[in-house]
Protein backbone atom coordinates (compact mmCIF):
# COMPACT_ATOMS: atom_id res chain seq x y z
CA MET A 1 40.86 147.16 103.30
CA ALA A 2 40.58 146.45 99.58
CA GLN A 3 43.72 146.72 97.54
CA LYS A 4 43.62 148.48 94.17
CA LEU A 5 44.77 146.14 91.41
CA ALA A 6 47.06 147.77 88.86
CA SER A 7 47.03 146.85 85.19
CA THR A 8 50.83 147.10 85.01
CA ALA A 9 53.54 145.73 87.27
CA ARG A 10 55.79 148.01 89.29
CA THR A 11 59.36 148.09 88.01
CA GLY A 12 62.69 149.41 89.22
CA ARG A 13 64.34 149.50 92.61
CA ASP A 14 64.05 153.20 93.52
CA ASN A 15 61.38 152.49 96.15
CA GLN A 16 62.86 149.14 97.30
CA ARG A 17 63.48 148.32 100.97
CA TYR A 18 66.82 146.86 102.07
CA GLY A 19 67.86 145.22 105.34
CA PRO A 20 70.77 146.09 107.65
CA GLN A 21 73.30 143.97 105.68
CA GLY A 22 72.18 145.41 102.34
CA GLU A 23 69.93 142.47 101.53
CA ARG A 24 66.85 143.12 99.40
CA LEU A 25 63.62 142.65 101.40
CA VAL A 26 61.22 140.42 99.46
CA ALA A 27 57.57 139.62 100.23
CA GLY A 28 55.74 136.62 98.84
CA VAL A 29 52.82 134.25 99.16
CA VAL A 30 52.25 130.52 99.21
CA PRO A 31 48.90 130.63 97.34
CA LEU A 32 46.74 127.67 98.33
CA SER A 33 43.48 126.32 96.96
CA ALA A 34 40.47 126.60 99.28
CA ASP A 35 40.84 122.96 100.35
CA LYS A 36 44.63 123.40 100.79
CA THR A 37 45.41 120.45 98.51
CA LYS A 38 47.22 122.51 95.86
CA VAL A 39 49.58 125.47 95.56
CA LEU A 40 49.74 127.84 92.59
CA LEU A 41 53.27 128.17 91.16
CA ILE A 42 54.43 130.59 88.48
CA GLN A 43 57.21 130.39 85.93
CA SER A 44 60.43 132.22 86.69
CA THR A 45 61.23 134.85 84.09
CA ARG A 46 64.99 134.25 84.43
CA ARG A 47 65.36 130.48 84.67
CA GLY A 48 62.08 129.18 83.30
CA GLY A 49 61.56 126.96 86.37
CA TRP A 50 58.73 127.22 88.87
CA VAL A 51 58.66 129.68 91.78
CA LEU A 52 56.24 131.21 94.28
CA PRO A 53 54.89 134.73 93.66
CA LYS A 54 57.28 137.14 95.37
CA GLY A 55 59.01 140.43 94.85
CA GLY A 56 60.42 143.56 96.38
CA TRP A 57 58.79 145.11 99.43
CA GLU A 58 58.55 148.82 98.68
CA ASN A 59 58.66 151.84 101.00
CA ASP A 60 55.06 152.91 100.40
CA GLU A 61 53.37 149.65 101.45
CA ALA A 62 53.00 147.25 104.36
CA ILE A 63 54.64 143.86 103.90
CA GLN A 64 51.30 142.01 103.50
CA GLU A 65 50.27 144.55 100.86
CA ALA A 66 53.54 143.90 99.02
CA ALA A 67 52.94 140.14 99.11
CA ARG A 68 49.37 140.49 97.77
CA ARG A 69 50.53 142.98 95.11
CA GLU A 70 53.18 140.53 93.90
CA ALA A 71 50.58 137.74 93.81
CA TRP A 72 48.43 139.92 91.56
CA GLU A 73 51.24 141.18 89.31
CA GLU A 74 52.97 137.83 88.82
CA ALA A 75 50.18 135.24 89.15
CA GLY A 76 46.99 137.18 88.43
CA ILE A 77 45.37 136.15 91.69
CA GLU A 78 43.45 137.94 94.36
CA CYS A 79 44.11 136.33 97.70
CA THR A 80 43.56 136.64 101.42
CA VAL A 81 46.53 136.25 103.75
CA THR A 82 45.73 133.52 106.28
CA LYS A 83 49.06 132.89 108.04
CA ASP A 84 52.42 134.60 108.53
CA LEU A 85 55.15 132.11 107.57
CA GLY A 86 57.97 134.40 108.73
CA ASN A 87 61.40 135.28 107.38
CA ILE A 88 63.47 132.87 105.33
CA PRO A 89 67.06 133.75 104.40
CA ASP A 90 68.28 133.51 100.82
CA ARG A 91 70.16 130.25 100.24
CA ARG A 92 71.54 130.90 96.77
CA ALA A 93 75.26 130.36 96.30
CA PRO A 94 77.35 133.51 95.70
CA ASN A 95 77.78 132.60 92.01
CA GLN A 96 73.97 132.64 91.62
CA LEU A 97 73.71 136.26 92.76
CA THR A 98 73.70 139.07 90.22
CA PRO A 99 73.12 142.85 90.28
CA ASN A 100 69.55 142.13 89.13
CA ALA A 101 69.15 139.32 91.69
CA PRO A 102 71.12 140.33 94.81
CA ARG A 103 71.05 138.55 98.19
CA ALA A 104 67.55 138.73 99.70
CA MET A 105 65.60 138.13 102.90
CA PHE A 106 62.23 136.57 102.08
CA HIS A 107 59.07 137.02 104.14
CA PHE A 108 56.27 134.68 103.12
CA PHE A 109 52.58 134.50 103.92
CA GLU A 110 50.18 131.64 103.37
CA ALA A 111 47.26 132.88 101.32
CA SER A 112 43.92 131.54 100.18
CA VAL A 113 43.23 132.24 96.50
CA GLN A 114 39.89 134.01 96.07
CA LYS A 115 39.99 134.75 92.34
CA GLU A 116 42.14 133.93 89.28
CA ALA A 117 42.04 136.61 86.58
CA ASN A 118 42.24 135.87 82.87
CA GLU A 119 44.43 138.94 82.35
CA TRP A 120 47.12 140.24 84.71
CA PRO A 121 50.20 142.47 84.49
CA GLU A 122 52.82 139.73 83.88
CA LYS A 123 50.67 137.23 81.94
CA HIS A 124 52.80 137.81 78.83
CA LYS A 125 55.92 136.50 80.58
CA ARG A 126 54.71 133.98 83.19
CA GLY A 127 52.67 130.82 83.14
CA ARG A 128 50.94 129.52 86.26
CA GLN A 129 50.04 126.02 87.36
CA TRP A 130 48.31 124.40 90.31
CA MET A 131 50.36 121.57 91.85
CA ALA A 132 49.90 119.09 94.68
CA TYR A 133 52.52 119.12 97.44
CA GLN A 134 54.93 116.49 96.07
CA ALA A 135 55.02 117.99 92.56
CA ALA A 136 55.47 121.51 93.97
CA LYS A 137 58.21 120.37 96.36
CA GLN A 138 60.11 118.84 93.44
CA ALA A 139 59.55 121.92 91.23
CA LEU A 140 60.87 124.21 94.00
CA ALA A 141 63.91 122.01 94.82
CA PRO A 142 66.38 124.34 93.01
CA ARG A 143 65.24 127.14 95.36
CA PRO A 144 65.39 125.74 98.93
CA GLU A 145 64.13 128.99 100.48
CA LEU A 146 60.93 128.68 98.43
CA ALA A 147 60.60 124.98 99.29
CA GLU A 148 60.91 125.95 102.97
CA ALA A 149 58.05 128.44 102.59
CA LEU A 150 55.93 125.64 101.09
CA ASP A 151 56.87 123.37 104.01
CA ARG A 152 55.88 126.05 106.54
CA SER A 153 52.43 126.29 104.98
CA SER A 154 49.42 124.14 105.87
CA ILE A 155 49.16 122.52 102.41
CA VAL A 156 47.88 118.94 102.58
CA ARG A 157 50.84 116.58 102.21
């Protein structure tokens, strides 16, 4: 089923799903090149470092739809989910949590990038860059849950 691509990103938490301990449920992708030698990372809007495309799983969508929507909104990519990488708990220290970034449970999918758009909803606030495994692993080191998602993927090491 084709997913409609919005020209603006969803905002707010009114439609956000939460887990049994109050954790925010987050869906994301590990977007790989067709030959699986590179992963596409995006710039974090808060810290300026590199992250994987991810965001809140909302009540009106399936988790894979949420992951693909976030890939479009944040990275400007259309992708096909190829593998379920499962749940990964948030590993941020309590002092890293804020009302805008509460504790989360991440669910990642490996995805094959089909198309990179020149314009996308969050282009004005995020850069994107293809990286080989070692560079991506180093870039994701401050966020061990994201590094774990990369390690669960089938990227060429």
